[in-house]
Amino acid sequence: MRTLKKLIENNRNWAAGMKSADPNFFLNLTQQQSPEYLWIGCSDSRVPANEIVGLKPGELFVHRNVANSVVHTDLNCLSVIQYAVEVLKVRHIIICGHYGCGGIQAVFQNKNLGLIDNWLRNTKNVMQKHNELLSTIIDPDLRLNRFCELNVIEQVVNVCETTIVQQAWERGQKLSVHGWIYSLHNGLINDLKVCITNNIERPAIYKSAISAL
């Protein structure tokens, strides 16, 4: 089938509904975007960024990839962060993982999935780094959940260590980096208590967040 008629129909209905609720919705949307938040999340289709935090289009700048990873050689992610920080002047970067993440689970179960195994190398490093902590958790479901949380905290640190964020802090730009995790079971976000606003506080907040798990 060359056309996706149902999706096009859904789009028409959505556009009509938005215009009915707010006649100026699309006019306002065409103006320069000025979101306060950059969301770095997982590509999982069950985690719609805007919807779960109740924000409208234009209020959240979004980057998504498998296992919500921030890798220092990923020019795609780094370009998004740079544009968000230096052009859009966002005040908050949110790393949001989710429980039951397929990428995290693949690493956890040592699965071989092909090309994506290269991408998940960063996640494997997280597991190896925290192997001692994870090995103390007997229940496999709880251990997987803890791994998902640890991955988020480590990605927060990765964001903070980018030259983009480092330079923003050096020039006095107000910028906070947060670590959250979302539950598919109840739709709620768990704040992992890792919010870093400068280099000085980073080590202590990281240590506190890990200890709190």
N, C-alpha and C. Protein backbone atom coordinates (compact mmCIF):
# COMPACT_ATOMS: atom_id res chain seq x y z
N MET A 1 0.85 -1.20 0.00
CA MET A 1 0.00 0.00 0.00
C MET A 1 0.88 1.25 0.00
N ARG A 2 0.64 2.16 -0.93
CA ARG A 2 1.49 3.33 -1.09
C ARG A 2 1.05 4.52 -0.25
N THR A 3 -0.15 4.48 0.26
CA THR A 3 -0.63 5.59 1.08
C THR A 3 -1.09 5.07 2.43
N LEU A 4 -0.96 5.91 3.43
CA LEU A 4 -1.43 5.57 4.78
C LEU A 4 -2.65 6.43 5.08
N LYS A 5 -3.75 6.04 4.47
CA LYS A 5 -4.96 6.85 4.50
C LYS A 5 -5.45 7.12 5.93
N LYS A 6 -5.34 6.11 6.78
CA LYS A 6 -5.84 6.28 8.15
C LYS A 6 -5.07 7.37 8.88
N LEU A 7 -3.75 7.39 8.70
CA LEU A 7 -2.95 8.41 9.37
C LEU A 7 -3.23 9.79 8.83
N ILE A 8 -3.41 9.90 7.52
CA ILE A 8 -3.75 11.19 6.92
C ILE A 8 -5.09 11.67 7.43
N GLU A 9 -6.03 10.75 7.55
CA GLU A 9 -7.36 11.09 8.07
C GLU A 9 -7.26 11.54 9.53
N ASN A 10 -6.44 10.82 10.30
CA ASN A 10 -6.23 11.22 11.69
C ASN A 10 -5.65 12.63 11.78
N ASN A 11 -4.72 12.93 10.88
CA ASN A 11 -4.11 14.25 10.85
C ASN A 11 -5.14 15.34 10.57
N ARG A 12 -6.02 15.10 9.61
CA ARG A 12 -7.06 16.07 9.27
C ARG A 12 -7.97 16.33 10.48
N ASN A 13 -8.33 15.25 11.15
CA ASN A 13 -9.21 15.38 12.32
C ASN A 13 -8.51 16.12 13.46
N TRP A 14 -7.21 15.80 13.64
CA TRP A 14 -6.44 16.47 14.70
C TRP A 14 -6.33 17.97 14.42
N ALA A 15 -5.99 18.32 13.18
CA ALA A 15 -5.83 19.73 12.82
C ALA A 15 -7.14 20.49 13.00
N ALA A 16 -8.24 19.87 12.61
CA ALA A 16 -9.55 20.51 12.75
C ALA A 16 -9.89 20.69 14.22
N GLY A 17 -9.56 19.68 15.03
CA GLY A 17 -9.84 19.78 16.46
C GLY A 17 -9.03 20.86 17.13
N MET A 18 -7.76 20.97 16.78
CA MET A 18 -6.91 22.00 17.37
C MET A 18 -7.37 23.40 16.98
N LYS A 19 -7.77 23.55 15.73
CA LYS A 19 -8.23 24.86 15.26
C LYS A 19 -9.56 25.23 15.88
N SER A 20 -10.39 24.22 16.12
CA SER A 20 -11.68 24.47 16.76
C SER A 20 -11.49 24.93 18.20
N ALA A 21 -10.54 24.30 18.89
CA ALA A 21 -10.28 24.66 20.28
C ALA A 21 -9.58 26.01 20.41
N ASP A 22 -8.73 26.32 19.42
CA ASP A 22 -7.98 27.58 19.44
C ASP A 22 -7.76 28.04 18.00
N PRO A 23 -8.57 28.97 17.52
CA PRO A 23 -8.47 29.43 16.12
C PRO A 23 -7.08 29.95 15.74
N ASN A 24 -6.31 30.41 16.73
CA ASN A 24 -4.98 30.97 16.45
C ASN A 24 -3.85 29.98 16.70
N PHE A 25 -4.21 28.72 16.93
CA PHE A 25 -3.20 27.73 17.31
C PHE A 25 -2.08 27.63 16.28
N PHE A 26 -2.42 27.45 15.02
CA PHE A 26 -1.39 27.26 14.00
C PHE A 26 -0.68 28.57 13.65
N LEU A 27 -1.38 29.68 13.78
CA LEU A 27 -0.74 30.98 13.57
C LEU A 27 0.35 31.19 14.62
N ASN A 28 0.02 30.88 15.86
CA ASN A 28 1.01 31.03 16.93
C ASN A 28 2.15 30.04 16.78
N LEU A 29 1.83 28.86 16.27
CA LEU A 29 2.84 27.82 16.13
C LEU A 29 3.90 28.18 15.09
N THR A 30 3.53 29.00 14.12
CA THR A 30 4.47 29.37 13.06
C THR A 30 5.47 30.43 13.54
N GLN A 31 5.22 31.01 14.69
CA GLN A 31 6.16 32.00 15.22
C GLN A 31 7.42 31.29 15.71
N GLN A 32 8.46 32.06 15.97
CA GLN A 32 9.73 31.48 16.44
C GLN A 32 9.51 30.66 17.70
N GLN A 33 9.99 29.41 17.69
CA GLN A 33 9.84 28.58 18.88
C GLN A 33 10.74 29.09 19.99
N SER A 34 10.23 29.01 21.21
CA SER A 34 11.04 29.46 22.36
C SER A 34 10.79 28.55 23.56
N PRO A 35 11.10 27.26 23.41
CA PRO A 35 10.90 26.33 24.52
C PRO A 35 11.90 26.55 25.64
N GLU A 36 11.49 26.26 26.86
CA GLU A 36 12.39 26.35 28.00
C GLU A 36 13.10 25.03 28.26
N TYR A 37 12.63 23.96 27.58
CA TYR A 37 13.09 22.63 27.92
C TYR A 37 13.61 21.86 26.70
N LEU A 38 14.69 21.14 26.92
CA LEU A 38 15.16 20.14 25.95
C LEU A 38 14.94 18.78 26.59
N TRP A 39 14.25 17.91 25.88
CA TRP A 39 13.95 16.56 26.36
C TRP A 39 14.80 15.57 25.57
N ILE A 40 15.62 14.81 26.26
CA ILE A 40 16.38 13.73 25.64
C ILE A 40 15.81 12.43 26.18
N GLY A 41 15.09 11.71 25.32
CA GLY A 41 14.40 10.52 25.78
C GLY A 41 14.62 9.34 24.86
N CYS A 42 13.94 8.26 25.17
CA CYS A 42 14.06 7.03 24.40
C CYS A 42 13.15 7.09 23.17
N SER A 43 13.52 6.35 22.15
CA SER A 43 12.72 6.30 20.92
C SER A 43 11.44 5.49 21.08
N ASP A 44 11.29 4.82 22.19
CA ASP A 44 10.14 3.95 22.44
C ASP A 44 8.84 4.68 22.14
N SER A 45 7.99 4.06 21.33
CA SER A 45 6.75 4.68 20.89
C SER A 45 5.74 4.87 22.01
N ARG A 46 5.98 4.24 23.15
CA ARG A 46 5.05 4.33 24.28
C ARG A 46 5.34 5.52 25.19
N VAL A 47 6.34 6.31 24.83
CA VAL A 47 6.74 7.44 25.69
C VAL A 47 6.65 8.74 24.89
N PRO A 48 5.44 9.28 24.71
CA PRO A 48 5.27 10.54 23.96
C PRO A 48 5.64 11.74 24.81
N ALA A 49 6.76 12.34 24.53
CA ALA A 49 7.34 13.37 25.40
C ALA A 49 6.36 14.49 25.77
N ASN A 50 5.82 15.18 24.77
CA ASN A 50 4.94 16.31 25.06
C ASN A 50 3.75 15.92 25.94
N GLU A 51 3.14 14.79 25.59
CA GLU A 51 1.90 14.39 26.25
C GLU A 51 2.09 14.08 27.73
N ILE A 52 3.16 13.37 28.08
CA ILE A 52 3.28 12.93 29.47
C ILE A 52 3.66 14.06 30.42
N VAL A 53 4.10 15.20 29.88
CA VAL A 53 4.36 16.36 30.75
C VAL A 53 3.36 17.49 30.48
N GLY A 54 2.35 17.21 29.66
CA GLY A 54 1.27 18.17 29.45
C GLY A 54 1.68 19.46 28.76
N LEU A 55 2.63 19.36 27.82
CA LEU A 55 3.06 20.56 27.09
C LEU A 55 2.58 20.52 25.65
N LYS A 56 2.35 21.69 25.10
CA LYS A 56 1.87 21.82 23.73
C LYS A 56 3.05 21.80 22.75
N PRO A 57 2.77 21.57 21.47
CA PRO A 57 3.81 21.69 20.45
C PRO A 57 4.46 23.08 20.55
N GLY A 58 5.78 23.11 20.48
CA GLY A 58 6.50 24.38 20.58
C GLY A 58 7.03 24.66 21.97
N GLU A 59 6.59 23.88 22.96
CA GLU A 59 7.02 24.12 24.34
C GLU A 59 8.11 23.16 24.81
N LEU A 60 8.42 22.17 23.99
CA LEU A 60 9.41 21.17 24.37
C LEU A 60 10.24 20.79 23.14
N PHE A 61 11.54 21.03 23.22
CA PHE A 61 12.46 20.64 22.15
C PHE A 61 12.88 19.21 22.43
N VAL A 62 12.79 18.32 21.44
CA VAL A 62 12.91 16.89 21.72
C VAL A 62 13.99 16.21 20.87
N HIS A 63 14.78 15.37 21.55
CA HIS A 63 15.68 14.46 20.87
C HIS A 63 15.46 13.08 21.46
N ARG A 64 15.34 12.07 20.59
CA ARG A 64 15.10 10.71 21.08
C ARG A 64 16.03 9.72 20.38
N ASN A 65 16.47 8.74 21.13
CA ASN A 65 17.26 7.65 20.56
C ASN A 65 17.08 6.42 21.44
N VAL A 66 17.57 5.29 20.98
CA VAL A 66 17.43 4.05 21.74
C VAL A 66 18.19 4.16 23.07
N ALA A 67 17.47 3.93 24.16
CA ALA A 67 18.03 3.94 25.52
C ALA A 67 18.44 5.34 26.00
N ASN A 68 17.83 6.37 25.41
CA ASN A 68 18.08 7.76 25.82
C ASN A 68 19.53 8.02 26.19
N SER A 69 20.40 7.76 25.22
CA SER A 69 21.84 7.85 25.46
C SER A 69 22.43 9.17 24.96
N VAL A 70 23.42 9.65 25.68
CA VAL A 70 24.18 10.83 25.25
C VAL A 70 25.63 10.38 25.10
N VAL A 71 26.02 10.18 23.85
CA VAL A 71 27.36 9.67 23.53
C VAL A 71 28.16 10.82 22.91
N HIS A 72 29.37 11.00 23.36
CA HIS A 72 30.15 12.18 22.95
C HIS A 72 30.61 12.15 21.49
N THR A 73 30.40 11.04 20.81
CA THR A 73 30.72 10.98 19.38
C THR A 73 29.47 11.05 18.52
N ASP A 74 28.30 11.23 19.15
CA ASP A 74 27.03 11.29 18.42
C ASP A 74 26.75 12.74 18.02
N LEU A 75 27.10 13.08 16.80
CA LEU A 75 26.94 14.47 16.34
C LEU A 75 25.48 14.88 16.24
N ASN A 76 24.60 13.93 16.05
CA ASN A 76 23.18 14.24 16.00
C ASN A 76 22.72 14.80 17.35
N CYS A 77 22.98 14.03 18.41
CA CYS A 77 22.58 14.45 19.75
C CYS A 77 23.29 15.74 20.16
N LEU A 78 24.58 15.82 19.90
CA LEU A 78 25.34 17.01 20.28
C LEU A 78 24.84 18.25 19.55
N SER A 79 24.44 18.08 18.29
CA SER A 79 23.92 19.21 17.52
C SER A 79 22.60 19.70 18.10
N VAL A 80 21.78 18.76 18.54
CA VAL A 80 20.51 19.13 19.18
C VAL A 80 20.77 19.89 20.46
N ILE A 81 21.70 19.39 21.27
CA ILE A 81 22.02 20.07 22.53
C ILE A 81 22.57 21.46 22.26
N GLN A 82 23.47 21.57 21.28
CA GLN A 82 24.04 22.88 20.98
C GLN A 82 22.98 23.88 20.52
N TYR A 83 22.10 23.44 19.63
CA TYR A 83 21.05 24.34 19.14
C TYR A 83 20.13 24.75 20.28
N ALA A 84 19.79 23.78 21.13
CA ALA A 84 18.88 24.08 22.24
C ALA A 84 19.50 25.07 23.22
N VAL A 85 20.77 24.86 23.52
CA VAL A 85 21.44 25.69 24.53
C VAL A 85 21.85 27.05 23.97
N GLU A 86 22.45 27.07 22.80
CA GLU A 86 23.05 28.30 22.28
C GLU A 86 22.10 29.15 21.45
N VAL A 87 21.12 28.53 20.81
CA VAL A 87 20.18 29.28 19.97
C VAL A 87 18.84 29.48 20.67
N LEU A 88 18.25 28.38 21.13
CA LEU A 88 16.95 28.47 21.78
C LEU A 88 17.05 28.96 23.23
N LYS A 89 18.23 28.84 23.81
CA LYS A 89 18.48 29.28 25.19
C LYS A 89 17.59 28.56 26.19
N VAL A 90 17.45 27.25 26.03
CA VAL A 90 16.66 26.50 27.00
C VAL A 90 17.28 26.63 28.38
N ARG A 91 16.46 26.51 29.39
CA ARG A 91 16.94 26.62 30.77
C ARG A 91 17.06 25.25 31.45
N HIS A 92 16.45 24.25 30.82
CA HIS A 92 16.46 22.92 31.42
C HIS A 92 16.69 21.85 30.37
N ILE A 93 17.59 20.92 30.66
CA ILE A 93 17.77 19.72 29.83
C ILE A 93 17.31 18.54 30.68
N ILE A 94 16.36 17.79 30.15
CA ILE A 94 15.80 16.66 30.88
C ILE A 94 16.19 15.36 30.19
N ILE A 95 16.88 14.49 30.91
CA ILE A 95 17.13 13.14 30.42
C ILE A 95 16.03 12.28 31.02
N CYS A 96 15.19 11.70 30.19
CA CYS A 96 14.09 10.89 30.72
C CYS A 96 14.15 9.48 30.13
N GLY A 97 14.48 8.52 30.98
CA GLY A 97 14.43 7.13 30.59
C GLY A 97 13.07 6.54 30.94
N HIS A 98 12.93 5.26 30.80
CA HIS A 98 11.68 4.62 31.21
C HIS A 98 11.94 3.18 31.61
N TYR A 99 11.16 2.72 32.57
CA TYR A 99 11.26 1.34 33.00
C TYR A 99 10.80 0.43 31.86
N GLY A 100 11.42 -0.73 31.75
CA GLY A 100 11.06 -1.66 30.69
C GLY A 100 11.64 -1.29 29.34
N CYS A 101 12.70 -0.48 29.33
CA CYS A 101 13.32 -0.05 28.07
C CYS A 101 13.92 -1.25 27.34
N GLY A 102 13.57 -1.41 26.06
CA GLY A 102 14.05 -2.54 25.28
C GLY A 102 15.56 -2.54 25.09
N GLY A 103 16.15 -1.36 24.91
CA GLY A 103 17.60 -1.27 24.75
C GLY A 103 18.32 -1.68 26.01
N ILE A 104 17.84 -1.19 27.15
CA ILE A 104 18.43 -1.54 28.43
C ILE A 104 18.29 -3.04 28.68
N GLN A 105 17.11 -3.56 28.35
CA GLN A 105 16.86 -4.98 28.56
C GLN A 105 17.77 -5.86 27.70
N ALA A 106 18.03 -5.41 26.48
CA ALA A 106 18.92 -6.18 25.59
C ALA A 106 20.31 -6.30 26.19
N VAL A 107 20.80 -5.20 26.76
CA VAL A 107 22.11 -5.22 27.40
C VAL A 107 22.05 -6.09 28.66
N PHE A 108 21.01 -5.92 29.42
CA PHE A 108 20.81 -6.66 30.67
C PHE A 108 20.82 -8.17 30.44
N GLN A 109 20.20 -8.59 29.34
CA GLN A 109 20.10 -10.01 29.02
C GLN A 109 21.21 -10.49 28.08
N ASN A 110 22.14 -9.58 27.78
CA ASN A 110 23.28 -9.90 26.92
C ASN A 110 22.85 -10.45 25.56
N LYS A 111 21.85 -9.81 24.96
CA LYS A 111 21.37 -10.23 23.65
C LYS A 111 22.25 -9.65 22.54
N ASN A 112 22.35 -10.37 21.45
CA ASN A 112 23.04 -9.88 20.26
C ASN A 112 22.00 -9.50 19.22
N LEU A 113 21.88 -8.21 18.93
CA LEU A 113 20.83 -7.74 18.03
C LEU A 113 21.38 -7.20 16.71
N GLY A 114 22.70 -7.24 16.53
CA GLY A 114 23.28 -6.76 15.27
C GLY A 114 23.87 -5.38 15.40
N LEU A 115 23.58 -4.52 14.43
CA LEU A 115 24.17 -3.19 14.37
C LEU A 115 23.95 -2.38 15.64
N ILE A 116 22.77 -2.52 16.23
CA ILE A 116 22.45 -1.71 17.41
C ILE A 116 23.35 -2.04 18.60
N ASP A 117 23.98 -3.20 18.58
CA ASP A 117 24.90 -3.56 19.67
C ASP A 117 26.02 -2.53 19.80
N ASN A 118 26.42 -1.94 18.68
CA ASN A 118 27.45 -0.90 18.71
C ASN A 118 26.95 0.34 19.44
N TRP A 119 25.71 0.69 19.18
CA TRP A 119 25.11 1.86 19.84
C TRP A 119 24.98 1.62 21.35
N LEU A 120 24.64 0.38 21.72
CA LEU A 120 24.40 0.06 23.12
C LEU A 120 25.69 -0.17 23.91
N ARG A 121 26.84 0.02 23.26
CA ARG A 121 28.11 -0.12 23.96
C ARG A 121 28.18 0.82 25.16
N ASN A 122 27.68 2.02 25.00
CA ASN A 122 27.66 3.00 26.09
C ASN A 122 26.85 2.48 27.27
N THR A 123 25.72 1.84 26.97
CA THR A 123 24.86 1.29 28.02
C THR A 123 25.53 0.12 28.71
N LYS A 124 26.26 -0.69 27.95
CA LYS A 124 27.00 -1.80 28.55
C LYS A 124 28.05 -1.27 29.52
N ASN A 125 28.66 -0.15 29.18
CA ASN A 125 29.65 0.45 30.08
C ASN A 125 29.02 0.85 31.41
N VAL A 126 27.77 1.35 31.32
CA VAL A 126 27.05 1.74 32.54
C VAL A 126 26.84 0.51 33.42
N MET A 127 26.42 -0.60 32.82
CA MET A 127 26.18 -1.81 33.58
C MET A 127 27.46 -2.32 34.23
N GLN A 128 28.55 -2.28 33.48
CA GLN A 128 29.82 -2.75 34.02
C GLN A 128 30.31 -1.85 35.16
N LYS A 129 30.09 -0.56 35.01
CA LYS A 129 30.51 0.38 36.04
C LYS A 129 29.80 0.13 37.36
N HIS A 130 28.52 -0.24 37.26
CA HIS A 130 27.71 -0.42 38.47
C HIS A 130 27.40 -1.89 38.74
N ASN A 131 28.24 -2.76 38.26
CA ASN A 131 28.00 -4.19 38.41
C ASN A 131 27.90 -4.62 39.87
N GLU A 132 28.73 -4.04 40.71
CA GLU A 132 28.72 -4.40 42.13
C GLU A 132 27.38 -4.07 42.76
N LEU A 133 26.86 -2.89 42.46
CA LEU A 133 25.57 -2.47 43.00
C LEU A 133 24.44 -3.34 42.46
N LEU A 134 24.45 -3.58 41.16
CA LEU A 134 23.38 -4.36 40.53
C LEU A 134 23.38 -5.81 41.01
N SER A 135 24.55 -6.34 41.27
CA SER A 135 24.65 -7.74 41.66
C SER A 135 24.06 -8.01 43.04
N THR A 136 23.84 -6.97 43.83
CA THR A 136 23.25 -7.16 45.16
C THR A 136 21.73 -7.28 45.11
N ILE A 137 21.13 -7.01 43.95
CA ILE A 137 19.67 -7.06 43.81
C ILE A 137 19.28 -8.42 43.24
N ILE A 138 18.57 -9.20 44.03
CA ILE A 138 18.23 -10.56 43.64
C ILE A 138 17.12 -10.62 42.61
N ASP A 139 16.06 -9.85 42.83
CA ASP A 139 14.92 -9.87 41.92
C ASP A 139 15.32 -9.29 40.57
N PRO A 140 15.18 -10.06 39.46
CA PRO A 140 15.63 -9.58 38.15
C PRO A 140 14.86 -8.35 37.65
N ASP A 141 13.58 -8.26 37.99
CA ASP A 141 12.80 -7.10 37.56
C ASP A 141 13.27 -5.84 38.27
N LEU A 142 13.51 -5.96 39.57
CA LEU A 142 14.01 -4.81 40.33
C LEU A 142 15.41 -4.43 39.87
N ARG A 143 16.22 -5.43 39.53
CA ARG A 143 17.58 -5.16 39.05
C ARG A 143 17.54 -4.42 37.71
N LEU A 144 16.62 -4.83 36.84
CA LEU A 144 16.48 -4.15 35.55
C LEU A 144 16.01 -2.71 35.75
N ASN A 145 15.08 -2.51 36.66
CA ASN A 145 14.61 -1.15 36.95
C ASN A 145 15.75 -0.27 37.46
N ARG A 146 16.57 -0.85 38.33
CA ARG A 146 17.70 -0.08 38.88
C ARG A 146 18.70 0.26 37.78
N PHE A 147 18.89 -0.67 36.87
CA PHE A 147 19.79 -0.43 35.73
C PHE A 147 19.26 0.74 34.89
N CYS A 148 17.95 0.77 34.67
CA CYS A 148 17.35 1.88 33.90
C CYS A 148 17.60 3.21 34.60
N GLU A 149 17.48 3.22 35.92
CA GLU A 149 17.71 4.44 36.69
C GLU A 149 19.17 4.86 36.63
N LEU A 150 20.06 3.91 36.79
CA LEU A 150 21.50 4.21 36.74
C LEU A 150 21.89 4.76 35.38
N ASN A 151 21.29 4.22 34.33
CA ASN A 151 21.60 4.70 32.98
C ASN A 151 21.21 6.17 32.82
N VAL A 152 20.07 6.54 33.37
CA VAL A 152 19.65 7.94 33.29
C VAL A 152 20.65 8.84 34.00
N ILE A 153 21.04 8.46 35.20
CA ILE A 153 21.97 9.28 35.98
C ILE A 153 23.30 9.44 35.24
N GLU A 154 23.77 8.36 34.63
CA GLU A 154 25.03 8.45 33.88
C GLU A 154 24.89 9.33 32.64
N GLN A 155 23.73 9.33 32.01
CA GLN A 155 23.53 10.19 30.84
C GLN A 155 23.44 11.66 31.24
N VAL A 156 22.94 11.92 32.43
CA VAL A 156 22.95 13.29 32.96
C VAL A 156 24.40 13.77 33.06
N VAL A 157 25.25 12.93 33.60
CA VAL A 157 26.67 13.28 33.71
C VAL A 157 27.28 13.50 32.33
N ASN A 158 26.92 12.65 31.38
CA ASN A 158 27.44 12.81 30.02
C ASN A 158 27.04 14.15 29.42
N VAL A 159 25.80 14.56 29.67
CA VAL A 159 25.35 15.88 29.18
C VAL A 159 26.19 16.98 29.83
N CYS A 160 26.36 16.89 31.13
CA CYS A 160 27.11 17.91 31.86
C CYS A 160 28.56 18.02 31.38
N GLU A 161 29.10 16.91 30.89
CA GLU A 161 30.50 16.90 30.46
C GLU A 161 30.70 17.33 29.02
N THR A 162 29.63 17.58 28.29
CA THR A 162 29.80 18.07 26.92
C THR A 162 30.39 19.47 26.95
N THR A 163 31.16 19.80 25.94
CA THR A 163 31.74 21.15 25.87
C THR A 163 30.64 22.21 25.78
N ILE A 164 29.51 21.83 25.23
CA ILE A 164 28.39 22.77 25.07
C ILE A 164 27.89 23.24 26.43
N VAL A 165 27.62 22.30 27.31
CA VAL A 165 27.12 22.65 28.64
C VAL A 165 28.22 23.29 29.47
N GLN A 166 29.45 22.76 29.36
CA GLN A 166 30.57 23.34 30.09
C GLN A 166 30.74 24.82 29.75
N GLN A 167 30.70 25.14 28.47
CA GLN A 167 30.88 26.52 28.04
C GLN A 167 29.70 27.40 28.45
N ALA A 168 28.51 26.83 28.44
CA ALA A 168 27.33 27.60 28.87
C ALA A 168 27.48 28.01 30.33
N TRP A 169 27.90 27.08 31.16
CA TRP A 169 28.10 27.40 32.58
C TRP A 169 29.22 28.40 32.77
N GLU A 170 30.27 28.27 31.97
CA GLU A 170 31.42 29.18 32.10
C GLU A 170 31.02 30.62 31.78
N ARG A 171 30.10 30.79 30.85
CA ARG A 171 29.68 32.16 30.51
C ARG A 171 28.50 32.64 31.37
N GLY A 172 28.14 31.84 32.37
CA GLY A 172 27.11 32.25 33.31
C GLY A 172 25.69 31.99 32.87
N GLN A 173 25.50 31.19 31.83
CA GLN A 173 24.15 30.89 31.36
C GLN A 173 23.46 29.96 32.36
N LYS A 174 22.23 30.29 32.70
CA LYS A 174 21.47 29.48 33.65
C LYS A 174 20.94 28.24 32.93
N LEU A 175 21.43 27.09 33.36
CA LEU A 175 21.09 25.84 32.70
C LEU A 175 21.13 24.71 33.72
N SER A 176 20.05 23.98 33.81
CA SER A 176 19.96 22.86 34.74
C SER A 176 19.79 21.56 33.95
N VAL A 177 20.42 20.50 34.42
CA VAL A 177 20.30 19.19 33.78
C VAL A 177 19.63 18.24 34.78
N HIS A 178 18.53 17.62 34.36
CA HIS A 178 17.72 16.80 35.24
C HIS A 178 17.69 15.34 34.78
N GLY A 179 17.49 14.43 35.73
CA GLY A 179 17.34 13.02 35.42
C GLY A 179 16.01 12.49 35.91
N TRP A 180 15.17 12.01 34.98
CA TRP A 180 13.86 11.47 35.32
C TRP A 180 13.71 10.08 34.72
N ILE A 181 12.73 9.34 35.24
CA ILE A 181 12.39 8.06 34.63
C ILE A 181 10.87 7.87 34.68
N TYR A 182 10.34 7.33 33.60
CA TYR A 182 8.90 7.23 33.39
C TYR A 182 8.44 5.79 33.52
N SER A 183 7.30 5.61 34.14
CA SER A 183 6.74 4.26 34.30
C SER A 183 5.60 4.03 33.31
N LEU A 184 5.72 2.97 32.53
CA LEU A 184 4.66 2.61 31.60
C LEU A 184 3.45 2.05 32.34
N HIS A 185 3.64 1.60 33.56
CA HIS A 185 2.56 0.96 34.31
C HIS A 185 1.53 1.95 34.86
N ASN A 186 1.99 3.15 35.20
CA ASN A 186 1.04 4.12 35.77
C ASN A 186 1.11 5.51 35.14
N GLY A 187 2.03 5.69 34.19
CA GLY A 187 2.13 6.98 33.52
C GLY A 187 2.80 8.07 34.32
N LEU A 188 3.44 7.71 35.42
CA LEU A 188 4.05 8.71 36.29
C LEU A 188 5.55 8.81 36.09
N ILE A 189 6.06 10.01 36.29
CA ILE A 189 7.50 10.27 36.20
C ILE A 189 8.10 10.26 37.59
N ASN A 190 9.23 9.60 37.71
CA ASN A 190 9.98 9.57 38.97
C ASN A 190 11.21 10.45 38.82
N ASP A 191 11.28 11.49 39.64
CA ASP A 191 12.44 12.37 39.66
C ASP A 191 13.55 11.66 40.41
N LEU A 192 14.68 11.41 39.75
CA LEU A 192 15.78 10.68 40.36
C LEU A 192 16.68 11.55 41.24
N LYS A 193 16.24 12.77 41.49
CA LYS A 193 16.94 13.68 42.41
C LYS A 193 18.37 13.96 41.95
N VAL A 194 18.52 14.05 40.63
CA VAL A 194 19.81 14.46 40.10
C VAL A 194 19.57 15.67 39.21
N CYS A 195 19.73 16.83 39.79
CA CYS A 195 19.57 18.10 39.07
C CYS A 195 20.86 18.89 39.26
N ILE A 196 21.58 19.08 38.18
CA ILE A 196 22.91 19.71 38.24
C ILE A 196 22.87 21.05 37.51
N THR A 197 23.33 22.08 38.19
CA THR A 197 23.28 23.43 37.62
C THR A 197 24.66 24.04 37.41
N ASN A 198 25.71 23.36 37.88
CA ASN A 198 27.07 23.87 37.67
C ASN A 198 28.07 22.76 37.95
N ASN A 199 29.32 22.99 37.60
CA ASN A 199 30.35 21.97 37.74
C ASN A 199 30.72 21.69 39.18
N ILE A 200 30.62 22.72 40.02
CA ILE A 200 31.05 22.56 41.42
C ILE A 200 30.18 21.54 42.15
N GLU A 201 28.87 21.59 41.92
CA GLU A 201 27.97 20.71 42.65
C GLU A 201 27.83 19.32 42.01
N ARG A 202 28.35 19.16 40.81
CA ARG A 202 28.14 17.91 40.07
C ARG A 202 28.59 16.66 40.83
N PRO A 203 29.81 16.59 41.36
CA PRO A 203 30.24 15.34 42.02
C PRO A 203 29.36 14.96 43.20
N ALA A 204 28.98 15.93 44.03
CA ALA A 204 28.19 15.65 45.22
C ALA A 204 26.78 15.19 44.86
N ILE A 205 26.17 15.83 43.88
CA ILE A 205 24.82 15.46 43.48
C ILE A 205 24.81 14.09 42.82
N TYR A 206 25.81 13.80 42.02
CA TYR A 206 25.93 12.48 41.40
C TYR A 206 26.04 11.40 42.48
N LYS A 207 26.93 11.62 43.43
CA LYS A 207 27.13 10.64 44.50
C LYS A 207 25.85 10.44 45.31
N SER A 208 25.15 11.54 45.60
CA SER A 208 23.91 11.47 46.37
C SER A 208 22.83 10.69 45.62
N ALA A 209 22.72 10.94 44.32
CA ALA A 209 21.70 10.27 43.50
C ALA A 209 21.95 8.77 43.44
N ILE A 210 23.21 8.37 43.29
CA ILE A 210 23.56 6.95 43.25
C ILE A 210 23.26 6.30 44.60
N SER A 211 23.62 6.98 45.66
CA SER A 211 23.41 6.44 47.02
C SER A 211 21.94 6.28 47.37
N ALA A 212 21.11 7.13 46.77
CA ALA A 212 19.67 7.11 47.08
C ALA A 212 18.93 5.95 46.41
N LEU A 213 19.57 5.30 45.45
CA LEU A 213 18.91 4.21 44.74
C LEU A 213 18.84 2.94 45.60
